[in-house]
Amino acid sequence: GTSHGPVAVLALTVGHQSYNGAGSNAAITAESVSVSYDKGVT
């Protein structure tokens, strides 16, 4: 679980719970990723 180098990379998939392909396929309209180095203060 260790990242090496100056840049971290995350491949993120946003979807819905599904079972054998059944479930919602509603479009994702917005997303954001943020990082904190001070335990969530900023």
PDB file of all heavy atoms in Angstrom:
ATOM      1  N   GLY A   1       0.803  -1.223   0.000  1.00  0.00           N
ATOM      2  CA  GLY A   1       0.000   0.000   0.000  1.00  0.00           C
ATOM      3  C   GLY A   1       0.830   1.264   0.000  1.00  0.00           C
ATOM      4  O   GLY A   1       0.379   2.296   0.505  1.00  0.00           O
ATOM      5  N   THR A   2       2.016   1.206  -0.602  1.00  0.00           N
ATOM      6  CA  THR A   2       2.937   2.343  -0.609  1.00  0.00           C
ATOM      7  C   THR A   2       3.059   2.910  -2.013  1.00  0.00           C
ATOM      8  O   THR A   2       3.255   2.165  -2.986  1.00  0.00           O
ATOM      9  CB  THR A   2       4.319   1.923  -0.094  1.00  0.00           C
ATOM     10  OG1 THR A   2       4.186   1.402   1.230  1.00  0.00           O
ATOM     11  CG2 THR A   2       5.281   3.104  -0.067  1.00  0.00           C
ATOM     12  N   SER A   3       2.939   4.236  -2.122  1.00  0.00           N
ATOM     13  CA  SER A   3       3.088   4.944  -3.390  1.00  0.00           C
ATOM     14  C   SER A   3       4.498   5.516  -3.481  1.00  0.00           C
ATOM     15  O   SER A   3       4.963   6.191  -2.559  1.00  0.00           O
ATOM     16  CB  SER A   3       2.059   6.073  -3.489  1.00  0.00           C
ATOM     17  OG  SER A   3       2.295   6.879  -4.626  1.00  0.00           O
ATOM     18  N   HIS A   4       5.165   5.234  -4.602  1.00  0.00           N
ATOM     19  CA  HIS A   4       6.536   5.711  -4.795  1.00  0.00           C
ATOM     20  C   HIS A   4       6.551   6.764  -5.903  1.00  0.00           C
ATOM     21  O   HIS A   4       5.861   6.627  -6.909  1.00  0.00           O
ATOM     22  CB  HIS A   4       7.453   4.546  -5.155  1.00  0.00           C
ATOM     23  CG  HIS A   4       7.476   3.461  -4.123  1.00  0.00           C
ATOM     24  ND1 HIS A   4       8.318   3.479  -3.033  1.00  0.00           N
ATOM     25  CD2 HIS A   4       6.745   2.317  -4.014  1.00  0.00           C
ATOM     26  CE1 HIS A   4       8.114   2.393  -2.293  1.00  0.00           C
ATOM     27  NE2 HIS A   4       7.162   1.679  -2.871  1.00  0.00           N
ATOM     28  N   GLY A   5       7.316   7.790  -5.733  1.00  0.00           N
ATOM     29  CA  GLY A   5       7.415   8.824  -6.738  1.00  0.00           C
ATOM     30  C   GLY A   5       6.687  10.084  -6.328  1.00  0.00           C
ATOM     31  O   GLY A   5       5.972  10.127  -5.316  1.00  0.00           O
ATOM     32  N   PRO A   6       6.800  11.125  -7.123  1.00  0.00           N
ATOM     33  CA  PRO A   6       6.241  12.428  -6.737  1.00  0.00           C
ATOM     34  C   PRO A   6       4.729  12.542  -6.934  1.00  0.00           C
ATOM     35  O   PRO A   6       4.107  13.435  -6.356  1.00  0.00           O
ATOM     36  CB  PRO A   6       6.975  13.397  -7.663  1.00  0.00           C
ATOM     37  CG  PRO A   6       7.333  12.586  -8.875  1.00  0.00           C
ATOM     38  CD  PRO A   6       7.610  11.209  -8.361  1.00  0.00           C
ATOM     39  N   VAL A   7       4.125  11.674  -7.756  1.00  0.00           N
ATOM     40  CA  VAL A   7       2.708  11.811  -8.078  1.00  0.00           C
ATOM     41  C   VAL A   7       1.967  10.519  -7.730  1.00  0.00           C
ATOM     42  O   VAL A   7       2.436   9.416  -8.035  1.00  0.00           O
ATOM     43  CB  VAL A   7       2.509  12.142  -9.568  1.00  0.00           C
ATOM     44  CG1 VAL A   7       1.023  12.211  -9.917  1.00  0.00           C
ATOM     45  CG2 VAL A   7       3.201  13.449  -9.923  1.00  0.00           C
ATOM     46  N   ALA A   8       0.817  10.661  -7.077  1.00  0.00           N
ATOM     47  CA  ALA A   8      -0.056   9.523  -6.793  1.00  0.00           C
ATOM     48  C   ALA A   8      -1.104   9.418  -7.890  1.00  0.00           C
ATOM     49  O   ALA A   8      -1.589  10.435  -8.411  1.00  0.00           O
ATOM     50  CB  ALA A   8      -0.731   9.687  -5.444  1.00  0.00           C
ATOM     51  N   VAL A   9      -1.488   8.179  -8.235  1.00  0.00           N
ATOM     52  CA  VAL A   9      -2.452   7.940  -9.301  1.00  0.00           C
ATOM     53  C   VAL A   9      -3.552   7.015  -8.779  1.00  0.00           C
ATOM     54  O   VAL A   9      -3.275   5.961  -8.202  1.00  0.00           O
ATOM     55  CB  VAL A   9      -1.779   7.310 -10.533  1.00  0.00           C
ATOM     56  CG1 VAL A   9      -2.814   7.077 -11.638  1.00  0.00           C
ATOM     57  CG2 VAL A   9      -0.638   8.185 -11.037  1.00  0.00           C
ATOM     58  N   LEU A  10      -4.798   7.414  -8.992  1.00  0.00           N
ATOM     59  CA  LEU A  10      -5.949   6.610  -8.606  1.00  0.00           C
ATOM     60  C   LEU A  10      -6.857   6.413  -9.809  1.00  0.00           C
ATOM     61  O   LEU A  10      -7.335   7.391 -10.399  1.00  0.00           O
ATOM     62  CB  LEU A  10      -6.741   7.303  -7.485  1.00  0.00           C
ATOM     63  CG  LEU A  10      -8.121   6.713  -7.167  1.00  0.00           C
ATOM     64  CD1 LEU A  10      -7.989   5.310  -6.585  1.00  0.00           C
ATOM     65  CD2 LEU A  10      -8.904   7.626  -6.217  1.00  0.00           C
ATOM     66  N   ALA A  11      -7.087   5.161 -10.196  1.00  0.00           N
ATOM     67  CA  ALA A  11      -8.122   4.841 -11.178  1.00  0.00           C
ATOM     68  C   ALA A  11      -9.404   4.591 -10.391  1.00  0.00           C
ATOM     69  O   ALA A  11      -9.479   3.663  -9.585  1.00  0.00           O
ATOM     70  CB  ALA A  11      -7.730   3.625 -11.996  1.00  0.00           C
ATOM     71  N   LEU A  12     -10.408   5.427 -10.598  1.00  0.00           N
ATOM     72  CA  LEU A  12     -11.643   5.399  -9.821  1.00  0.00           C
ATOM     73  C   LEU A  12     -12.815   5.026 -10.727  1.00  0.00           C
ATOM     74  O   LEU A  12     -13.000   5.627 -11.790  1.00  0.00           O
ATOM     75  CB  LEU A  12     -11.893   6.769  -9.186  1.00  0.00           C
ATOM     76  CG  LEU A  12     -13.213   6.952  -8.432  1.00  0.00           C
ATOM     77  CD1 LEU A  12     -13.209   6.120  -7.155  1.00  0.00           C
ATOM     78  CD2 LEU A  12     -13.453   8.438  -8.125  1.00  0.00           C
ATOM     79  N   THR A  13     -13.597   4.043 -10.294  1.00  0.00           N
ATOM     80  CA  THR A  13     -14.833   3.690 -10.994  1.00  0.00           C
ATOM     81  C   THR A  13     -16.010   4.005 -10.083  1.00  0.00           C
ATOM     82  O   THR A  13     -16.053   3.545  -8.938  1.00  0.00           O
ATOM     83  CB  THR A  13     -14.866   2.208 -11.384  1.00  0.00           C
ATOM     84  OG1 THR A  13     -13.752   1.915 -12.237  1.00  0.00           O
ATOM     85  CG2 THR A  13     -16.155   1.867 -12.101  1.00  0.00           C
ATOM     86  N   VAL A  14     -16.939   4.798 -10.589  1.00  0.00           N
ATOM     87  CA  VAL A  14     -18.144   5.143  -9.843  1.00  0.00           C
ATOM     88  C   VAL A  14     -19.322   4.458 -10.531  1.00  0.00           C
ATOM     89  O   VAL A  14     -19.576   4.675 -11.717  1.00  0.00           O
ATOM     90  CB  VAL A  14     -18.372   6.664  -9.792  1.00  0.00           C
ATOM     91  CG1 VAL A  14     -19.583   6.986  -8.920  1.00  0.00           C
ATOM     92  CG2 VAL A  14     -17.126   7.379  -9.277  1.00  0.00           C
ATOM     93  N   GLY A  15     -20.021   3.617  -9.799  1.00  0.00           N
ATOM     94  CA  GLY A  15     -21.168   2.911 -10.353  1.00  0.00           C
ATOM     95  C   GLY A  15     -22.206   2.678  -9.278  1.00  0.00           C
ATOM     96  O   GLY A  15     -22.301   3.435  -8.310  1.00  0.00           O
ATOM     97  N   HIS A  16     -23.002   1.638  -9.434  1.00  0.00           N
ATOM     98  CA  HIS A  16     -24.053   1.309  -8.479  1.00  0.00           C
ATOM     99  C   HIS A  16     -23.955  -0.167  -8.121  1.00  0.00           C
ATOM    100  O   HIS A  16     -23.388  -0.962  -8.866  1.00  0.00           O
ATOM    101  CB  HIS A  16     -25.441   1.601  -9.070  1.00  0.00           C
ATOM    102  CG  HIS A  16     -25.663   3.026  -9.443  1.00  0.00           C
ATOM    103  ND1 HIS A  16     -25.180   3.563 -10.624  1.00  0.00           N
ATOM    104  CD2 HIS A  16     -26.299   4.040  -8.789  1.00  0.00           C
ATOM    105  CE1 HIS A  16     -25.524   4.848 -10.691  1.00  0.00           C
ATOM    106  NE2 HIS A  16     -26.204   5.161  -9.597  1.00  0.00           N
ATOM    107  N   GLN A  17     -24.527  -0.514  -6.971  1.00  0.00           N
ATOM    108  CA  GLN A  17     -24.540  -1.927  -6.609  1.00  0.00           C
ATOM    109  C   GLN A  17     -25.229  -2.718  -7.717  1.00  0.00           C
ATOM    110  O   GLN A  17     -26.227  -2.274  -8.298  1.00  0.00           O
ATOM    111  CB  GLN A  17     -25.224  -2.153  -5.266  1.00  0.00           C
ATOM    112  CG  GLN A  17     -26.725  -1.986  -5.269  1.00  0.00           C
ATOM    113  CD  GLN A  17     -27.414  -2.693  -4.112  1.00  0.00           C
ATOM    114  OE1 GLN A  17     -26.886  -3.617  -3.505  1.00  0.00           O
ATOM    115  NE2 GLN A  17     -28.618  -2.238  -3.790  1.00  0.00           N
ATOM    116  N   SER A  18     -24.686  -3.921  -7.998  1.00  0.00           N
ATOM    117  CA  SER A  18     -25.262  -4.738  -9.057  1.00  0.00           C
ATOM    118  C   SER A  18     -25.034  -6.211  -8.741  1.00  0.00           C
ATOM    119  O   SER A  18     -24.133  -6.573  -7.979  1.00  0.00           O
ATOM    120  CB  SER A  18     -24.651  -4.391 -10.418  1.00  0.00           C
ATOM    121  OG  SER A  18     -23.268  -4.713 -10.441  1.00  0.00           O
ATOM    122  N   TYR A  19     -25.866  -7.054  -9.365  1.00  0.00           N
ATOM    123  CA  TYR A  19     -25.824  -8.498  -9.162  1.00  0.00           C
ATOM    124  C   TYR A  19     -25.986  -9.179 -10.511  1.00  0.00           C
ATOM    125  O   TYR A  19     -27.036  -9.078 -11.136  1.00  0.00           O
ATOM    126  CB  TYR A  19     -26.930  -8.931  -8.192  1.00  0.00           C
ATOM    127  CG  TYR A  19     -26.797  -8.235  -6.858  1.00  0.00           C
ATOM    128  CD1 TYR A  19     -27.390  -6.984  -6.650  1.00  0.00           C
ATOM    129  CD2 TYR A  19     -26.047  -8.784  -5.831  1.00  0.00           C
ATOM    130  CE1 TYR A  19     -27.237  -6.313  -5.447  1.00  0.00           C
ATOM    131  CE2 TYR A  19     -25.892  -8.122  -4.627  1.00  0.00           C
ATOM    132  CZ  TYR A  19     -26.488  -6.887  -4.438  1.00  0.00           C
ATOM    133  OH  TYR A  19     -26.326  -6.216  -3.245  1.00  0.00           O
ATOM    134  N   ASN A  20     -24.914  -9.808 -10.972  1.00  0.00           N
ATOM    135  CA  ASN A  20     -24.916 -10.440 -12.294  1.00  0.00           C
ATOM    136  C   ASN A  20     -25.367  -9.467 -13.378  1.00  0.00           C
ATOM    137  O   ASN A  20     -26.105  -9.831 -14.302  1.00  0.00           O
ATOM    138  CB  ASN A  20     -25.807 -11.686 -12.288  1.00  0.00           C
ATOM    139  CG  ASN A  20     -25.273 -12.762 -11.366  1.00  0.00           C
ATOM    140  OD1 ASN A  20     -24.082 -13.048 -11.361  1.00  0.00           O
ATOM    141  ND2 ASN A  20     -26.137 -13.343 -10.557  1.00  0.00           N
ATOM    142  N   GLY A  21     -24.941  -8.232 -13.244  1.00  0.00           N
ATOM    143  CA  GLY A  21     -25.247  -7.207 -14.232  1.00  0.00           C
ATOM    144  C   GLY A  21     -26.549  -6.473 -14.010  1.00  0.00           C
ATOM    145  O   GLY A  21     -26.802  -5.445 -14.668  1.00  0.00           O
ATOM    146  N   ALA A  22     -27.407  -6.940 -13.106  1.00  0.00           N
ATOM    147  CA  ALA A  22     -28.677  -6.259 -12.829  1.00  0.00           C
ATOM    148  C   ALA A  22     -28.447  -5.130 -11.830  1.00  0.00           C
ATOM    149  O   ALA A  22     -27.729  -5.292 -10.848  1.00  0.00           O
ATOM    150  CB  ALA A  22     -29.700  -7.240 -12.280  1.00  0.00           C
ATOM    151  N   GLY A  23     -29.074  -3.997 -12.078  1.00  0.00           N
ATOM    152  CA  GLY A  23     -28.928  -2.836 -11.208  1.00  0.00           C
ATOM    153  C   GLY A  23     -28.905  -1.562 -12.020  1.00  0.00           C
ATOM    154  O   GLY A  23     -28.954  -1.583 -13.261  1.00  0.00           O
ATOM    155  N   SER A  24     -28.839  -0.455 -11.340  1.00  0.00           N
ATOM    156  CA  SER A  24     -28.891   0.843 -12.013  1.00  0.00           C
ATOM    157  C   SER A  24     -27.638   1.107 -12.843  1.00  0.00           C
ATOM    158  O   SER A  24     -26.520   0.783 -12.426  1.00  0.00           O
ATOM    159  CB  SER A  24     -29.043   1.956 -10.968  1.00  0.00           C
ATOM    160  OG  SER A  24     -28.936   3.226 -11.593  1.00  0.00           O
ATOM    161  N   ASN A  25     -27.848   1.710 -14.001  1.00  0.00           N
ATOM    162  CA  ASN A  25     -26.755   2.200 -14.840  1.00  0.00           C
ATOM    163  C   ASN A  25     -26.871   3.708 -15.039  1.00  0.00           C
ATOM    164  O   ASN A  25     -26.435   4.243 -16.061  1.00  0.00           O
ATOM    165  CB  ASN A  25     -26.762   1.499 -16.197  1.00  0.00           C
ATOM    166  CG  ASN A  25     -26.311   0.052 -16.096  1.00  0.00           C
ATOM    167  OD1 ASN A  25     -25.272  -0.229 -15.508  1.00  0.00           O
ATOM    168  ND2 ASN A  25     -27.092  -0.857 -16.660  1.00  0.00           N
ATOM    169  N   ALA A  26     -27.459   4.390 -14.073  1.00  0.00           N
ATOM    170  CA  ALA A  26     -27.632   5.837 -14.187  1.00  0.00           C
ATOM    171  C   ALA A  26     -26.291   6.533 -14.376  1.00  0.00           C
ATOM    172  O   ALA A  26     -25.275   6.142 -13.784  1.00  0.00           O
ATOM    173  CB  ALA A  26     -28.328   6.366 -12.938  1.00  0.00           C
ATOM    174  N   ALA A  27     -26.317   7.556 -15.188  1.00  0.00           N
ATOM    175  CA  ALA A  27     -25.089   8.284 -15.493  1.00  0.00           C
ATOM    176  C   ALA A  27     -24.544   8.991 -14.257  1.00  0.00           C
ATOM    177  O   ALA A  27     -25.300   9.468 -13.405  1.00  0.00           O
ATOM    178  CB  ALA A  27     -25.354   9.302 -16.603  1.00  0.00           C
ATOM    179  N   ILE A  28     -23.222   9.051 -14.175  1.00  0.00           N
ATOM    180  CA  ILE A  28     -22.550   9.800 -13.110  1.00  0.00           C
ATOM    181  C   ILE A  28     -22.431  11.248 -13.578  1.00  0.00           C
ATOM    182  O   ILE A  28     -21.886  11.528 -14.652  1.00  0.00           O
ATOM    183  CB  ILE A  28     -21.166   9.203 -12.801  1.00  0.00           C
ATOM    184  CG1 ILE A  28     -21.307   7.701 -12.487  1.00  0.00           C
ATOM    185  CG2 ILE A  28     -20.503   9.947 -11.663  1.00  0.00           C
ATOM    186  CD1 ILE A  28     -22.274   7.394 -11.359  1.00  0.00           C
ATOM    187  N   THR A  29     -22.955  12.170 -12.793  1.00  0.00           N
ATOM    188  CA  THR A  29     -23.029  13.572 -13.219  1.00  0.00           C
ATOM    189  C   THR A  29     -21.938  14.448 -12.639  1.00  0.00           C
ATOM    190  O   THR A  29     -21.670  15.530 -13.166  1.00  0.00           O
ATOM    191  CB  THR A  29     -24.399  14.152 -12.829  1.00  0.00           C
ATOM    192  OG1 THR A  29     -24.601  13.966 -11.420  1.00  0.00           O
ATOM    193  CG2 THR A  29     -25.510  13.450 -13.599  1.00  0.00           C
ATOM    194  N   ALA A  30     -21.309  14.026 -11.554  1.00  0.00           N
ATOM    195  CA  ALA A  30     -20.241  14.828 -10.957  1.00  0.00           C
ATOM    196  C   ALA A  30     -19.390  13.932 -10.076  1.00  0.00           C
ATOM    197  O   ALA A  30     -19.865  12.924  -9.542  1.00  0.00           O
ATOM    198  CB  ALA A  30     -20.808  15.984 -10.131  1.00  0.00           C
ATOM    199  N   GLU A  31     -18.137  14.282  -9.924  1.00  0.00           N
ATOM    200  CA  GLU A  31     -17.226  13.534  -9.071  1.00  0.00           C
ATOM    201  C   GLU A  31     -16.082  14.446  -8.647  1.00  0.00           C
ATOM    202  O   GLU A  31     -15.775  15.450  -9.307  1.00  0.00           O
ATOM    203  CB  GLU A  31     -16.678  12.293  -9.787  1.00  0.00           C
ATOM    204  CG  GLU A  31     -15.624  12.554 -10.831  1.00  0.00           C
ATOM    205  CD  GLU A  31     -16.124  13.359 -12.021  1.00  0.00           C
ATOM    206  OE1 GLU A  31     -17.251  13.089 -12.474  1.00  0.00           O
ATOM    207  OE2 GLU A  31     -15.393  14.253 -12.487  1.00  0.00           O
ATOM    208  N   SER A  32     -15.476  14.140  -7.528  1.00  0.00           N
ATOM    209  CA  SER A  32     -14.303  14.887  -7.075  1.00  0.00           C
ATOM    210  C   SER A  32     -13.457  13.985  -6.195  1.00  0.00           C
ATOM    211  O   SER A  32     -13.956  13.060  -5.553  1.00  0.00           O
ATOM    212  CB  SER A  32     -14.709  16.144  -6.297  1.00  0.00           C
ATOM    213  OG  SER A  32     -15.258  15.803  -5.035  1.00  0.00           O
ATOM    214  N   VAL A  33     -12.165  14.254  -6.187  1.00  0.00           N
ATOM    215  CA  VAL A  33     -11.210  13.560  -5.323  1.00  0.00           C
ATOM    216  C   VAL A  33     -10.356  14.614  -4.653  1.00  0.00           C
ATOM    217  O   VAL A  33      -9.852  15.533  -5.319  1.00  0.00           O
ATOM    218  CB  VAL A  33     -10.324  12.580  -6.119  1.00  0.00           C
ATOM    219  CG1 VAL A  33      -9.308  11.904  -5.198  1.00  0.00           C
ATOM    220  CG2 VAL A  33     -11.176  11.537  -6.832  1.00  0.00           C
ATOM    221  N   SER A  34     -10.190  14.499  -3.350  1.00  0.00           N
ATOM    222  CA  SER A  34      -9.364  15.440  -2.592  1.00  0.00           C
ATOM    223  C   SER A  34      -8.422  14.667  -1.695  1.00  0.00           C
ATOM    224  O   SER A  34      -8.701  13.524  -1.293  1.00  0.00           O
ATOM    225  CB  SER A  34     -10.227  16.380  -1.740  1.00  0.00           C
ATOM    226  OG  SER A  34     -11.162  17.081  -2.529  1.00  0.00           O
ATOM    227  N   VAL A  35      -7.308  15.296  -1.354  1.00  0.00           N
ATOM    228  CA  VAL A  35      -6.312  14.675  -0.491  1.00  0.00           C
ATOM    229  C   VAL A  35      -5.989  15.614   0.663  1.00  0.00           C
ATOM    230  O   VAL A  35      -5.991  16.836   0.500  1.00  0.00           O
ATOM    231  CB  VAL A  35      -5.035  14.315  -1.292  1.00  0.00           C
ATOM    232  CG1 VAL A  35      -4.402  15.560  -1.899  1.00  0.00           C
ATOM    233  CG2 VAL A  35      -4.026  13.578  -0.424  1.00  0.00           C
ATOM    234  N   SER A  36      -5.754  15.054   1.838  1.00  0.00           N
ATOM    235  CA  SER A  36      -5.389  15.842   3.021  1.00  0.00           C
ATOM    236  C   SER A  36      -4.118  15.277   3.627  1.00  0.00           C
ATOM    237  O   SER A  36      -3.991  14.052   3.811  1.00  0.00           O
ATOM    238  CB  SER A  36      -6.514  15.808   4.061  1.00  0.00           C
ATOM    239  OG  SER A  36      -6.115  16.466   5.247  1.00  0.00           O
ATOM    240  N   TYR A  37      -3.196  16.166   3.946  1.00  0.00           N
ATOM    241  CA  TYR A  37      -1.942  15.768   4.585  1.00  0.00           C
ATOM    242  C   TYR A  37      -1.920  16.128   6.067  1.00  0.00           C
ATOM    243  O   TYR A  37      -0.912  15.927   6.741  1.00  0.00           O
ATOM    244  CB  TYR A  37      -0.761  16.428   3.871  1.00  0.00           C
ATOM    245  CG  TYR A  37      -0.703  16.099   2.394  1.00  0.00           C
ATOM    246  CD1 TYR A  37      -1.138  17.017   1.440  1.00  0.00           C
ATOM    247  CD2 TYR A  37      -0.235  14.864   1.950  1.00  0.00           C
ATOM    248  CE1 TYR A  37      -1.101  16.721   0.089  1.00  0.00           C
ATOM    249  CE2 TYR A  37      -0.188  14.560   0.602  1.00  0.00           C
ATOM    250  CZ  TYR A  37      -0.630  15.489  -0.325  1.00  0.00           C
ATOM    251  OH  TYR A  37      -0.594  15.189  -1.663  1.00  0.00           O
ATOM    252  N   ASP A  38      -3.045  16.677   6.585  1.00  0.00           N
ATOM    253  CA  ASP A  38      -3.087  17.090   7.989  1.00  0.00           C
ATOM    254  C   ASP A  38      -4.303  16.490   8.698  1.00  0.00           C
ATOM    255  O   ASP A  38      -4.973  17.150   9.479  1.00  0.00           O
ATOM    256  CB  ASP A  38      -3.086  18.615   8.101  1.00  0.00           C
ATOM    257  CG  ASP A  38      -4.196  19.277   7.285  1.00  0.00           C
ATOM    258  OD1 ASP A  38      -5.085  18.547   6.784  1.00  0.00           O
ATOM    259  OD2 ASP A  38      -4.183  20.516   7.147  1.00  0.00           O
ATOM    260  N   LYS A  39      -4.592  15.213   8.381  1.00  0.00           N
ATOM    261  CA  LYS A  39      -5.657  14.458   9.040  1.00  0.00           C
ATOM    262  C   LYS A  39      -7.041  15.093   8.864  1.00  0.00           C
ATOM    263  O   LYS A  39      -7.860  15.117   9.776  1.00  0.00           O
ATOM    264  CB  LYS A  39      -5.344  14.255  10.528  1.00  0.00           C
ATOM    265  CG  LYS A  39      -4.031  13.525  10.779  1.00  0.00           C
ATOM    266  CD  LYS A  39      -3.810  13.253  12.247  1.00  0.00           C
ATOM    267  CE  LYS A  39      -2.468  12.575  12.487  1.00  0.00           C
ATOM    268  NZ  LYS A  39      -2.314  11.292  11.759  1.00  0.00           N
ATOM    269  N   GLY A  40      -7.281  15.625   7.668  1.00  0.00           N
ATOM    270  CA  GLY A  40      -8.605  16.121   7.333  1.00  0.00           C
ATOM    271  C   GLY A  40      -8.886  17.557   7.713  1.00  0.00           C
ATOM    272  O   GLY A  40     -10.024  18.025   7.530  1.00  0.00           O
ATOM    273  N   VAL A  41      -7.889  18.276   8.191  1.00  0.00           N
ATOM    274  CA  VAL A  41      -8.113  19.690   8.533  1.00  0.00           C
ATOM    275  C   VAL A  41      -8.277  20.513   7.265  1.00  0.00           C
ATOM    276  O   VAL A  41      -9.201  21.333   7.144  1.00  0.00           O
ATOM    277  CB  VAL A  41      -6.959  20.222   9.397  1.00  0.00           C
ATOM    278  CG1 VAL A  41      -7.149  21.715   9.678  1.00  0.00           C
ATOM    279  CG2 VAL A  41      -6.851  19.442  10.702  1.00  0.00           C
ATOM    280  N   THR A  42      -7.388  20.308   6.300  1.00  0.00           N
ATOM    281  CA  THR A  42      -7.491  20.997   5.017  1.00  0.00           C
ATOM    282  C   THR A  42      -7.422  19.962   3.900  1.00  0.00           C
ATOM    283  O   THR A  42      -6.819  18.891   4.046  1.00  0.00           O
ATOM    284  CB  THR A  42      -6.352  22.022   4.834  1.00  0.00           C
ATOM    285  OG1 THR A  42      -5.084  21.343   4.897  1.00  0.00           O
ATOM    286  CG2 THR A  42      -6.407  23.092   5.911  1.00  0.00           C
TER     287      THR A  42
END
